[in-house]
Protein backbone atom coordinates (compact mmCIF):
# COMPACT_ATOMS: atom_id res chain seq x y z
CA MET A 1 104.25 141.73 75.97
CA SER A 2 106.91 139.10 75.66
CA GLY A 3 108.13 137.67 78.97
CA SER A 4 105.35 139.18 81.05
CA VAL A 5 103.07 137.19 83.30
CA PRO A 6 99.57 136.80 81.79
CA GLU A 7 96.78 138.56 83.60
CA GLY A 8 95.27 136.42 86.35
CA VAL A 9 98.45 134.35 86.77
CA SER A 10 100.72 135.16 89.66
CA SER A 11 104.15 133.89 90.54
CA ALA A 12 103.61 134.89 94.17
CA PRO A 13 103.35 132.14 96.80
CA PRO A 14 99.81 130.99 97.54
CA ALA A 15 97.80 133.07 99.95
CA PRO A 16 97.57 131.71 103.51
CA ARG A 17 93.95 130.70 102.98
CA SER A 18 94.72 128.61 99.90
CA ARG A 19 97.71 127.10 101.74
CA GLY A 20 95.38 126.07 104.57
CA LEU A 21 92.97 124.52 102.09
CA THR A 22 95.87 122.63 100.51
CA VAL A 23 96.86 121.22 103.91
CA VAL A 24 93.27 120.22 104.75
CA ALA A 25 92.79 118.61 101.32
CA GLY A 26 96.09 116.76 101.66
CA LEU A 27 95.18 115.44 105.11
CA LEU A 28 91.72 114.44 103.91
CA ALA A 29 93.25 112.57 100.97
CA ALA A 30 95.75 110.89 103.32
CA ALA A 31 92.95 109.81 105.64
CA VAL A 32 90.96 108.32 102.74
CA VAL A 33 93.99 106.49 101.32
CA ALA A 34 94.98 105.21 104.77
CA VAL A 35 91.44 103.94 105.46
CA LEU A 36 91.40 102.20 102.06
CA GLY A 37 94.80 100.66 102.82
CA ASN A 38 93.49 99.44 106.14
CA VAL A 39 90.41 97.97 104.43
CA VAL A 40 92.80 95.90 102.31
CA VAL A 41 94.71 94.78 105.43
CA ALA A 42 91.47 93.79 107.19
CA VAL A 43 90.13 91.90 104.17
CA LEU A 44 93.42 90.02 103.79
CA ALA A 45 93.52 89.24 107.51
CA HIS A 46 89.99 87.84 107.42
CA ALA A 47 90.80 85.86 104.27
CA ALA A 48 93.85 84.43 106.06
CA GLY A 49 91.74 83.32 109.00
CA ALA A 50 91.42 86.23 111.42
CA SER A 51 88.20 85.94 113.37
CA ASP A 52 85.17 88.00 112.35
CA ASP A 53 84.51 88.30 116.10
CA PHE A 54 87.49 90.64 116.45
CA ALA A 55 85.77 94.03 116.46
CA ALA A 56 88.99 95.98 115.88
CA LEU A 57 89.13 94.63 112.32
CA HIS A 58 85.71 96.07 111.49
CA LEU A 59 85.59 99.27 109.43
CA SER A 60 83.49 101.01 112.07
CA ALA A 61 86.30 100.52 114.58
CA TYR A 62 89.43 101.27 112.58
CA ALA A 63 88.24 104.01 110.19
CA PRO A 64 87.75 106.68 112.90
CA LEU A 65 91.03 105.69 114.56
CA THR A 66 92.80 105.91 111.21
CA VAL A 67 91.51 109.45 110.65
CA PHE A 68 92.44 110.34 114.24
CA GLY A 69 95.96 109.00 113.65
CA VAL A 70 96.42 111.06 110.49
CA VAL A 71 95.23 114.25 112.23
CA LEU A 72 97.21 113.64 115.43
CA GLY A 73 100.31 112.87 113.39
CA ALA A 74 99.87 116.10 111.42
CA ILE A 75 99.71 118.09 114.64
CA GLY A 76 102.89 116.44 115.90
CA TRP A 77 104.61 116.92 112.53
CA ALA A 78 103.66 120.62 112.53
CA VAL A 79 104.96 121.12 116.08
CA VAL A 80 108.28 119.43 115.30
CA ARG A 81 108.47 121.30 111.99
CA ARG A 82 108.06 124.61 113.75
CA LEU A 83 110.06 124.14 116.94
CA ALA A 84 112.90 121.71 116.26
CA LYS A 85 116.30 122.99 115.17
CA HIS A 86 116.67 120.00 112.86
CA PRO A 87 113.13 118.72 112.20
CA ALA A 88 114.11 116.22 109.49
CA GLY A 89 116.65 114.54 111.74
CA LEU A 90 114.26 114.44 114.67
CA LEU A 91 111.39 113.05 112.60
CA ARG A 92 113.70 110.44 111.02
CA TRP A 93 113.90 108.62 114.36
CA LEU A 94 110.74 109.91 116.07
CA VAL A 95 108.25 108.53 113.52
CA PRO A 96 109.51 104.90 113.68
CA VAL A 97 109.74 105.05 117.48
CA LEU A 98 106.15 106.28 117.76
CA VAL A 99 104.91 103.59 115.37
CA VAL A 100 106.60 100.91 117.48
CA VAL A 101 105.16 102.44 120.68
CA SER A 102 101.72 102.40 119.04
CA PHE A 103 101.97 98.60 118.85
CA ALA A 104 101.72 98.31 122.66
CA PRO A 105 97.90 98.43 122.88
CA ASP A 106 97.68 95.85 120.09
CA LEU A 107 100.15 93.52 121.78
CA SER A 108 98.24 93.85 125.03
CA LEU A 109 95.31 92.13 123.31
CA LEU A 110 97.27 88.89 122.97
CA GLY A 111 96.24 86.39 125.56
CA GLY A 112 93.50 88.65 126.85
CA GLY A 113 89.79 88.11 126.91
CA THR A 114 89.03 90.03 123.72
CA PRO A 115 87.08 87.76 121.36
CA GLY A 116 89.02 86.84 118.24
CA SER A 117 92.24 88.56 119.29
CA GLY A 118 94.60 85.91 117.99
CA PRO A 119 98.10 86.55 116.69
CA LEU A 120 96.92 87.04 113.09
CA ALA A 121 94.35 89.67 114.07
CA VAL A 122 96.82 91.51 116.28
CA ALA A 123 99.47 91.41 113.54
CA ALA A 124 96.92 92.91 111.14
CA LEU A 125 96.32 95.79 113.55
CA MET A 126 100.06 96.39 113.75
CA VAL A 127 100.30 96.44 109.96
CA MET A 128 97.47 98.98 109.93
CA HIS A 129 99.58 101.29 112.10
CA VAL A 130 102.40 101.05 109.57
CA VAL A 131 99.98 101.74 106.68
CA VAL A 132 98.72 104.88 108.39
CA ALA A 133 102.26 106.08 109.14
CA VAL A 134 103.52 105.52 105.59
CA VAL A 135 100.54 107.24 103.97
CA ALA A 136 100.49 110.09 106.49
CA VAL A 137 104.22 110.84 106.29
CA ALA A 138 104.01 110.94 102.49
CA ALA A 139 101.17 113.46 102.78
CA TYR A 140 102.91 115.53 105.46
CA ARG A 141 106.04 115.78 103.31
CA ARG A 142 103.90 117.17 100.51
CA VAL A 143 101.56 119.56 102.34
CA LEU A 144 103.70 120.36 105.40
CA PRO A 145 107.20 120.30 103.93
CA LEU A 146 110.11 120.52 106.30
CA PRO A 147 112.14 123.73 106.27
CA VAL A 148 115.67 123.62 104.95
CA ARG A 149 117.94 124.80 107.74
């Protein structure tokens, strides 16, 4: 029949289960891309002279924290998305503020007793926070789109 939907193809929205799988796949992809971005930052920081003694620039230290950041951010995004009257407006200022606040632990390493925690290494950590935020927000916009209100 002309104009009919072929068998097996539906124009209905995806079932909740497939929507959940889409979100999980999107967050997994974001975590992988963010970890790879942070690998680049760490390699460049070491090439520029950051100390190998600085444990925070080792994959084993930042990879789990990167994944944690993507997941925690998704939870926050989902809460704001669901509860805020104007989620886009709130997130427009909330995300940058939270990224800046996340710099505090990094900045506290300056002048401390942590081996290798010079300005270059600390700056690299701060850049890593920005990498995670940029990648994660791009993923959230795709798999957890904001409602139009």
